[in-house]
N, C-alpha and C. Protein backbone atom coordinates (compact mmCIF):
# COMPACT_ATOMS: atom_id res chain seq x y z
N UNK A 1 0.85 -1.18 0.00
CA UNK A 1 0.00 0.00 0.00
C UNK A 1 0.89 1.24 0.00
N UNK A 2 0.60 2.20 -0.86
CA UNK A 2 1.41 3.43 -0.92
C UNK A 2 1.41 4.18 0.42
N UNK A 3 2.52 4.88 0.67
CA UNK A 3 2.69 5.60 1.94
C UNK A 3 1.60 6.64 2.18
N UNK A 4 1.15 7.33 1.11
CA UNK A 4 0.11 8.35 1.30
C UNK A 4 -1.21 7.73 1.74
N UNK A 5 -1.52 6.50 1.27
CA UNK A 5 -2.72 5.81 1.71
C UNK A 5 -2.57 5.36 3.17
N UNK A 6 -1.39 4.87 3.52
CA UNK A 6 -1.13 4.48 4.91
C UNK A 6 -1.28 5.69 5.84
N UNK A 7 -0.76 6.83 5.41
CA UNK A 7 -0.86 8.06 6.21
C UNK A 7 -2.32 8.47 6.40
N UNK A 8 -3.11 8.37 5.33
CA UNK A 8 -4.53 8.74 5.39
C UNK A 8 -5.27 7.81 6.36
N UNK A 9 -5.00 6.52 6.28
CA UNK A 9 -5.63 5.55 7.18
C UNK A 9 -5.25 5.86 8.63
N UNK A 10 -3.98 6.05 8.89
CA UNK A 10 -3.50 6.34 10.24
C UNK A 10 -4.15 7.61 10.79
N UNK A 11 -4.24 8.65 9.97
CA UNK A 11 -4.83 9.91 10.41
C UNK A 11 -6.32 9.74 10.74
N UNK A 12 -7.05 8.97 9.92
CA UNK A 12 -8.48 8.73 10.18
C UNK A 12 -8.67 7.98 11.50
N UNK A 13 -7.83 6.96 11.73
CA UNK A 13 -7.96 6.17 12.96
C UNK A 13 -7.57 7.01 14.17
N UNK A 14 -6.49 7.77 14.06
CA UNK A 14 -6.06 8.63 15.18
C UNK A 14 -7.14 9.66 15.52
N UNK A 15 -7.76 10.25 14.51
CA UNK A 15 -8.80 11.25 14.76
C UNK A 15 -10.01 10.63 15.44
N UNK A 16 -10.41 9.45 15.01
CA UNK A 16 -11.54 8.77 15.63
C UNK A 16 -11.21 8.34 17.06
N UNK A 17 -10.02 7.79 17.26
CA UNK A 17 -9.60 7.34 18.58
C UNK A 17 -9.59 8.51 19.57
N UNK A 18 -9.16 9.67 19.11
CA UNK A 18 -9.11 10.86 19.97
C UNK A 18 -10.50 11.27 20.46
N UNK A 19 -11.55 10.89 19.74
CA UNK A 19 -12.92 11.22 20.14
C UNK A 19 -13.47 10.25 21.19
N UNK A 20 -12.79 9.16 21.43
CA UNK A 20 -13.27 8.17 22.40
C UNK A 20 -12.84 8.55 23.81
N UNK A 21 -13.67 9.25 24.50
CA UNK A 21 -13.37 9.72 25.84
C UNK A 21 -13.12 8.54 26.78
N UNK A 22 -13.79 7.43 26.55
CA UNK A 22 -13.59 6.26 27.41
C UNK A 22 -12.15 5.75 27.34
N UNK A 23 -11.54 5.81 26.17
CA UNK A 23 -10.14 5.40 26.06
C UNK A 23 -9.25 6.30 26.91
N UNK A 24 -9.54 7.60 26.91
CA UNK A 24 -8.79 8.55 27.75
C UNK A 24 -9.01 8.24 29.22
N UNK A 25 -10.26 7.96 29.59
CA UNK A 25 -10.59 7.63 30.97
C UNK A 25 -9.80 6.42 31.45
N UNK A 26 -9.71 5.40 30.60
CA UNK A 26 -8.96 4.19 30.95
C UNK A 26 -7.45 4.44 30.98
N UNK A 27 -6.99 5.37 30.14
CA UNK A 27 -5.55 5.61 30.00
C UNK A 27 -4.96 4.89 28.81
N UNK A 28 -5.81 4.41 27.89
CA UNK A 28 -5.35 3.66 26.71
C UNK A 28 -4.82 4.62 25.66
N UNK A 29 -3.88 4.10 24.86
CA UNK A 29 -3.36 4.91 23.75
C UNK A 29 -3.13 4.03 22.54
N UNK A 30 -3.27 4.65 21.40
CA UNK A 30 -3.05 4.00 20.11
C UNK A 30 -1.54 3.94 19.86
N UNK A 31 -1.01 2.74 19.57
CA UNK A 31 0.44 2.64 19.38
C UNK A 31 0.85 2.15 17.99
N UNK A 32 -0.10 1.57 17.23
CA UNK A 32 0.25 1.10 15.88
C UNK A 32 -1.01 1.08 15.02
N UNK A 33 -0.88 1.60 13.81
CA UNK A 33 -1.97 1.57 12.83
C UNK A 33 -1.38 1.25 11.47
N UNK A 34 -1.92 0.24 10.82
CA UNK A 34 -1.57 -0.11 9.44
C UNK A 34 -2.82 -0.74 8.83
N UNK A 35 -2.83 -0.93 7.53
CA UNK A 35 -3.99 -1.54 6.87
C UNK A 35 -4.27 -2.90 7.49
N UNK A 36 -5.45 -3.04 8.09
CA UNK A 36 -5.85 -4.31 8.69
C UNK A 36 -5.31 -4.59 10.07
N UNK A 37 -4.57 -3.64 10.65
CA UNK A 37 -3.95 -3.87 11.97
C UNK A 37 -4.01 -2.61 12.83
N UNK A 38 -4.32 -2.82 14.11
CA UNK A 38 -4.28 -1.72 15.09
C UNK A 38 -3.84 -2.30 16.43
N UNK A 39 -2.99 -1.55 17.12
CA UNK A 39 -2.57 -1.95 18.46
C UNK A 39 -2.88 -0.82 19.45
N UNK A 40 -3.41 -1.22 20.60
CA UNK A 40 -3.75 -0.29 21.67
C UNK A 40 -3.06 -0.75 22.95
N UNK A 41 -2.42 0.19 23.61
CA UNK A 41 -1.70 -0.10 24.85
C UNK A 41 -2.46 0.49 26.03
N UNK A 42 -2.47 -0.23 27.14
CA UNK A 42 -3.13 0.23 28.36
C UNK A 42 -2.20 0.02 29.54
N UNK A 43 -1.68 1.11 30.12
CA UNK A 43 -0.88 0.96 31.33
C UNK A 43 -1.75 0.42 32.47
N UNK A 44 -1.24 -0.52 33.21
CA UNK A 44 -2.00 -1.10 34.32
C UNK A 44 -1.90 -0.15 35.52
N UNK A 45 -3.05 0.13 36.12
CA UNK A 45 -3.09 0.98 37.31
C UNK A 45 -4.21 0.50 38.22
N UNK A 46 -4.18 0.95 39.45
CA UNK A 46 -5.12 0.49 40.47
C UNK A 46 -6.59 0.74 40.09
N UNK A 47 -6.88 1.81 39.36
CA UNK A 47 -8.28 2.11 39.04
C UNK A 47 -8.88 1.13 38.02
N UNK A 48 -8.06 0.24 37.46
CA UNK A 48 -8.56 -0.77 36.51
C UNK A 48 -8.74 -2.14 37.16
N UNK A 49 -8.39 -2.26 38.43
CA UNK A 49 -8.35 -3.57 39.09
C UNK A 49 -9.72 -4.06 39.53
N UNK A 50 -9.87 -5.38 39.50
CA UNK A 50 -11.01 -6.01 40.14
C UNK A 50 -10.59 -6.44 41.54
N UNK A 51 -11.43 -7.16 42.25
CA UNK A 51 -11.21 -7.44 43.66
C UNK A 51 -9.97 -8.27 43.98
N UNK A 52 -9.41 -8.99 43.01
CA UNK A 52 -8.21 -9.79 43.24
C UNK A 52 -6.93 -9.08 42.80
N UNK A 53 -7.08 -7.85 42.30
CA UNK A 53 -5.92 -7.07 41.90
C UNK A 53 -5.55 -7.19 40.43
N UNK A 54 -6.25 -8.02 39.68
CA UNK A 54 -6.00 -8.14 38.24
C UNK A 54 -6.78 -7.06 37.50
N UNK A 55 -6.38 -6.77 36.26
CA UNK A 55 -7.15 -5.82 35.45
C UNK A 55 -8.53 -6.42 35.19
N UNK A 56 -9.55 -5.62 35.40
CA UNK A 56 -10.94 -6.05 35.22
C UNK A 56 -11.17 -6.51 33.79
N UNK A 57 -11.94 -7.58 33.63
CA UNK A 57 -12.24 -8.12 32.31
C UNK A 57 -12.92 -7.09 31.42
N UNK A 58 -13.65 -6.15 32.00
CA UNK A 58 -14.29 -5.10 31.20
C UNK A 58 -13.28 -4.22 30.51
N UNK A 59 -12.18 -3.90 31.19
CA UNK A 59 -11.11 -3.10 30.57
C UNK A 59 -10.39 -3.91 29.50
N UNK A 60 -10.17 -5.19 29.77
CA UNK A 60 -9.52 -6.07 28.78
C UNK A 60 -10.39 -6.15 27.52
N UNK A 61 -11.69 -6.38 27.72
CA UNK A 61 -12.61 -6.49 26.58
C UNK A 61 -12.72 -5.17 25.82
N UNK A 62 -12.67 -4.06 26.53
CA UNK A 62 -12.78 -2.74 25.88
C UNK A 62 -11.63 -2.50 24.92
N UNK A 63 -10.39 -2.75 25.36
CA UNK A 63 -9.28 -2.48 24.44
C UNK A 63 -9.23 -3.51 23.31
N UNK A 64 -9.67 -4.75 23.59
CA UNK A 64 -9.73 -5.76 22.52
C UNK A 64 -10.76 -5.35 21.47
N UNK A 65 -11.94 -4.92 21.92
CA UNK A 65 -13.01 -4.50 21.01
C UNK A 65 -12.57 -3.31 20.16
N UNK A 66 -11.93 -2.34 20.79
CA UNK A 66 -11.48 -1.17 20.02
C UNK A 66 -10.37 -1.53 19.04
N UNK A 67 -9.46 -2.39 19.44
CA UNK A 67 -8.38 -2.80 18.52
C UNK A 67 -8.95 -3.54 17.32
N UNK A 68 -9.88 -4.46 17.55
CA UNK A 68 -10.50 -5.20 16.45
C UNK A 68 -11.33 -4.26 15.58
N UNK A 69 -12.12 -3.39 16.20
CA UNK A 69 -12.97 -2.46 15.45
C UNK A 69 -12.17 -1.48 14.61
N UNK A 70 -11.11 -0.95 15.18
CA UNK A 70 -10.28 -0.02 14.42
C UNK A 70 -9.51 -0.74 13.32
N UNK A 71 -9.11 -1.98 13.54
CA UNK A 71 -8.47 -2.75 12.47
C UNK A 71 -9.45 -2.87 11.30
N UNK A 72 -10.72 -3.16 11.62
CA UNK A 72 -11.75 -3.25 10.57
C UNK A 72 -11.92 -1.92 9.87
N UNK A 73 -11.91 -0.82 10.64
CA UNK A 73 -12.10 0.50 10.04
C UNK A 73 -10.97 0.86 9.07
N UNK A 74 -9.77 0.34 9.29
CA UNK A 74 -8.68 0.63 8.36
C UNK A 74 -8.95 0.11 6.95
N UNK A 75 -9.86 -0.84 6.84
CA UNK A 75 -10.15 -1.44 5.54
C UNK A 75 -11.33 -0.77 4.83
N UNK A 76 -11.93 0.22 5.48
CA UNK A 76 -13.10 0.88 4.94
C UNK A 76 -12.72 2.18 4.26
N UNK A 77 -13.52 2.60 3.26
CA UNK A 77 -13.24 3.88 2.60
C UNK A 77 -13.55 5.04 3.53
N UNK A 78 -12.97 6.18 3.23
CA UNK A 78 -13.26 7.41 3.98
C UNK A 78 -14.76 7.64 3.96
N UNK A 79 -15.31 8.08 5.09
CA UNK A 79 -16.73 8.34 5.19
C UNK A 79 -17.52 7.18 5.77
N UNK A 80 -16.93 6.00 5.80
CA UNK A 80 -17.60 4.83 6.38
C UNK A 80 -17.24 4.73 7.84
N UNK A 81 -18.09 4.06 8.58
CA UNK A 81 -17.83 3.79 9.98
C UNK A 81 -18.01 2.31 10.26
N UNK A 82 -17.66 1.92 11.46
CA UNK A 82 -17.76 0.52 11.88
C UNK A 82 -18.41 0.47 13.25
N UNK A 83 -19.30 -0.48 13.44
CA UNK A 83 -19.85 -0.79 14.75
C UNK A 83 -19.71 -2.29 14.99
N UNK A 84 -19.37 -2.65 16.20
CA UNK A 84 -19.29 -4.07 16.54
C UNK A 84 -20.71 -4.59 16.70
N UNK A 85 -21.04 -5.64 15.95
CA UNK A 85 -22.36 -6.26 16.02
C UNK A 85 -22.36 -7.43 17.00
N UNK A 86 -21.19 -8.05 17.19
CA UNK A 86 -21.09 -9.21 18.07
C UNK A 86 -19.62 -9.44 18.38
N UNK A 87 -19.33 -9.87 19.60
CA UNK A 87 -17.98 -10.35 19.89
C UNK A 87 -18.01 -11.46 20.91
N UNK A 88 -16.96 -12.26 20.86
CA UNK A 88 -16.74 -13.33 21.83
C UNK A 88 -15.33 -13.16 22.34
N UNK A 89 -15.18 -13.22 23.66
CA UNK A 89 -13.85 -13.09 24.24
C UNK A 89 -13.58 -14.30 25.12
N UNK A 90 -12.37 -14.81 25.00
CA UNK A 90 -11.87 -15.85 25.89
C UNK A 90 -10.82 -15.22 26.77
N UNK A 91 -11.04 -15.29 28.09
CA UNK A 91 -10.07 -14.78 29.06
C UNK A 91 -9.19 -15.97 29.44
N UNK A 92 -7.94 -15.94 29.00
CA UNK A 92 -7.06 -17.10 29.10
C UNK A 92 -6.24 -17.15 30.38
N UNK A 93 -5.91 -15.98 30.90
CA UNK A 93 -5.16 -15.89 32.16
C UNK A 93 -5.39 -14.51 32.76
N UNK A 94 -5.14 -14.36 34.07
CA UNK A 94 -5.35 -13.04 34.68
C UNK A 94 -4.49 -11.97 34.00
N UNK A 95 -5.08 -10.81 33.81
CA UNK A 95 -4.37 -9.68 33.20
C UNK A 95 -3.61 -8.96 34.29
N UNK A 96 -2.31 -9.25 34.38
CA UNK A 96 -1.47 -8.65 35.42
C UNK A 96 -0.12 -8.32 34.81
N UNK A 97 0.41 -7.19 35.16
CA UNK A 97 1.72 -6.76 34.65
C UNK A 97 1.79 -5.25 34.69
N UNK A 98 2.74 -4.70 33.92
CA UNK A 98 2.87 -3.24 33.86
C UNK A 98 1.93 -2.61 32.85
N UNK A 99 1.62 -3.38 31.79
CA UNK A 99 0.76 -2.83 30.74
C UNK A 99 0.11 -3.97 29.98
N UNK A 100 -0.97 -3.62 29.28
CA UNK A 100 -1.64 -4.56 28.39
C UNK A 100 -1.47 -4.05 26.96
N UNK A 101 -1.37 -4.97 26.03
CA UNK A 101 -1.28 -4.61 24.61
C UNK A 101 -2.30 -5.42 23.84
N UNK A 102 -3.27 -4.72 23.23
CA UNK A 102 -4.29 -5.37 22.39
C UNK A 102 -3.86 -5.23 20.95
N UNK A 103 -3.74 -6.37 20.26
CA UNK A 103 -3.36 -6.38 18.85
C UNK A 103 -4.55 -6.85 18.03
N UNK A 104 -5.16 -5.90 17.29
CA UNK A 104 -6.31 -6.22 16.46
C UNK A 104 -5.88 -6.42 15.02
N UNK A 105 -6.57 -7.34 14.35
CA UNK A 105 -6.31 -7.54 12.93
C UNK A 105 -7.56 -8.06 12.23
N UNK A 106 -7.65 -7.75 10.95
CA UNK A 106 -8.78 -8.18 10.14
C UNK A 106 -8.54 -9.61 9.67
N UNK A 107 -9.56 -10.43 9.83
CA UNK A 107 -9.52 -11.80 9.32
C UNK A 107 -10.10 -11.83 7.91
N UNK A 108 -11.26 -11.19 7.73
CA UNK A 108 -11.89 -11.09 6.40
C UNK A 108 -12.72 -9.82 6.34
N UNK A 109 -12.38 -8.96 5.40
CA UNK A 109 -13.12 -7.71 5.21
C UNK A 109 -14.16 -7.89 4.12
N UNK A 110 -15.36 -7.40 4.40
CA UNK A 110 -16.42 -7.44 3.41
C UNK A 110 -17.03 -6.07 3.24
N UNK A 111 -18.00 -5.96 2.31
CA UNK A 111 -18.66 -4.67 2.08
C UNK A 111 -19.59 -4.30 3.22
N UNK A 112 -20.20 -5.30 3.85
CA UNK A 112 -21.16 -5.06 4.92
C UNK A 112 -20.66 -5.53 6.27
N UNK A 113 -20.09 -6.72 6.31
CA UNK A 113 -19.59 -7.31 7.55
C UNK A 113 -18.09 -7.59 7.43
N UNK A 114 -17.39 -7.36 8.51
CA UNK A 114 -15.96 -7.66 8.58
C UNK A 114 -15.72 -8.49 9.83
N UNK A 115 -14.97 -9.56 9.69
CA UNK A 115 -14.57 -10.37 10.83
C UNK A 115 -13.17 -9.95 11.24
N UNK A 116 -13.04 -9.59 12.51
CA UNK A 116 -11.74 -9.17 13.03
C UNK A 116 -11.46 -9.95 14.31
N UNK A 117 -10.22 -9.90 14.75
CA UNK A 117 -9.85 -10.55 16.00
C UNK A 117 -8.88 -9.66 16.75
N UNK A 118 -8.75 -9.93 18.02
CA UNK A 118 -7.76 -9.23 18.83
C UNK A 118 -7.18 -10.20 19.84
N UNK A 119 -5.90 -10.04 20.07
CA UNK A 119 -5.22 -10.76 21.14
C UNK A 119 -4.76 -9.70 22.14
N UNK A 120 -4.92 -9.98 23.42
CA UNK A 120 -4.48 -9.06 24.45
C UNK A 120 -3.37 -9.74 25.25
N UNK A 121 -2.26 -9.03 25.35
CA UNK A 121 -1.09 -9.53 26.07
C UNK A 121 -0.89 -8.70 27.33
N UNK A 122 -0.63 -9.38 28.44
CA UNK A 122 -0.21 -8.72 29.67
C UNK A 122 1.32 -8.74 29.66
N UNK A 123 1.93 -7.57 29.78
CA UNK A 123 3.38 -7.47 29.67
C UNK A 123 3.96 -7.17 31.05
N UNK A 124 4.83 -8.04 31.50
CA UNK A 124 5.47 -7.91 32.80
C UNK A 124 6.96 -8.13 32.63
N UNK A 125 7.77 -7.14 33.01
CA UNK A 125 9.21 -7.25 32.85
C UNK A 125 9.62 -7.39 31.39
N UNK A 126 8.83 -6.82 30.50
CA UNK A 126 9.11 -6.89 29.07
C UNK A 126 8.68 -8.20 28.41
N UNK A 127 8.11 -9.11 29.18
CA UNK A 127 7.70 -10.42 28.66
C UNK A 127 6.18 -10.43 28.46
N UNK A 128 5.72 -10.63 27.21
CA UNK A 128 4.28 -10.67 26.95
C UNK A 128 3.70 -12.05 27.25
N UNK A 129 2.50 -12.05 27.85
CA UNK A 129 1.76 -13.28 28.09
C UNK A 129 0.35 -13.09 27.56
N UNK A 130 -0.07 -13.98 26.68
CA UNK A 130 -1.42 -13.89 26.11
C UNK A 130 -2.44 -14.08 27.23
N UNK A 131 -3.31 -13.09 27.42
CA UNK A 131 -4.32 -13.20 28.49
C UNK A 131 -5.75 -13.22 27.95
N UNK A 132 -5.97 -12.83 26.69
CA UNK A 132 -7.32 -12.85 26.14
C UNK A 132 -7.28 -12.89 24.62
N UNK A 133 -8.32 -13.50 24.05
CA UNK A 133 -8.51 -13.53 22.59
C UNK A 133 -9.97 -13.18 22.31
N UNK A 134 -10.17 -12.36 21.29
CA UNK A 134 -11.52 -11.95 20.92
C UNK A 134 -11.72 -12.12 19.43
N UNK A 135 -12.91 -12.56 19.04
CA UNK A 135 -13.34 -12.46 17.65
C UNK A 135 -14.52 -11.49 17.63
N UNK A 136 -14.59 -10.68 16.59
CA UNK A 136 -15.64 -9.67 16.50
C UNK A 136 -16.19 -9.60 15.09
N UNK A 137 -17.49 -9.47 15.00
CA UNK A 137 -18.16 -9.20 13.73
C UNK A 137 -18.50 -7.72 13.74
N UNK A 138 -17.97 -7.00 12.76
CA UNK A 138 -18.16 -5.55 12.67
C UNK A 138 -19.01 -5.25 11.45
N UNK A 139 -19.93 -4.31 11.62
CA UNK A 139 -20.79 -3.94 10.49
C UNK A 139 -20.45 -2.53 10.03
N UNK A 140 -20.50 -2.36 8.73
CA UNK A 140 -20.21 -1.06 8.12
C UNK A 140 -21.44 -0.18 8.25
N UNK A 141 -21.20 1.08 8.62
CA UNK A 141 -22.27 2.07 8.61
C UNK A 141 -21.82 3.23 7.73
N UNK A 142 -22.67 3.61 6.81
CA UNK A 142 -22.32 4.65 5.84
C UNK A 142 -22.58 6.03 6.41
N UNK A 143 -21.78 6.97 5.98
CA UNK A 143 -21.99 8.36 6.33
C UNK A 143 -21.66 8.69 7.78
N UNK A 144 -20.83 7.90 8.41
CA UNK A 144 -20.47 8.14 9.81
C UNK A 144 -18.96 8.14 9.92
N UNK A 145 -18.32 9.12 9.33
CA UNK A 145 -16.87 9.26 9.28
C UNK A 145 -16.20 8.91 10.59
N UNK A 146 -15.29 7.92 10.54
CA UNK A 146 -14.45 7.60 11.68
C UNK A 146 -15.13 6.99 12.87
N UNK A 147 -16.32 6.46 12.71
CA UNK A 147 -17.02 5.89 13.85
C UNK A 147 -16.56 4.47 14.08
N UNK A 148 -16.22 4.17 15.29
CA UNK A 148 -15.87 2.81 15.72
C UNK A 148 -16.15 2.73 17.20
N UNK A 149 -16.33 1.54 17.71
CA UNK A 149 -16.51 1.41 19.16
C UNK A 149 -15.48 0.52 19.76
């Protein structure tokens, strides 16, 4: 893909991500955008913990959903948006460490529905451990520039 198209995709995703106040509330940030791929990082902090001290599954699912949804959005033309219609998440191990990294990617892009997935890694001492996997069905919505959830 030409660099100018990559730049346009990255700018669209960054602009949409900046509108997600919930990502700011959590402390998540966009760290990688390419055609069909998005990565979101979440520093682990006490306000994200559940009763056992691990990152709450809701925060894990949130960054996985956004990574998968934004990966799907990278495959859409300007002016289109994406909404998650369905997702399934498997929580494989407790989310504990210094930070979480959600890696979203497109499995199959379509005109109406896109199947995407995300893997979430808990990183401790620089060592990543897979803690969750998500599959998501995303639907295209027209005329909603940069919309994703």
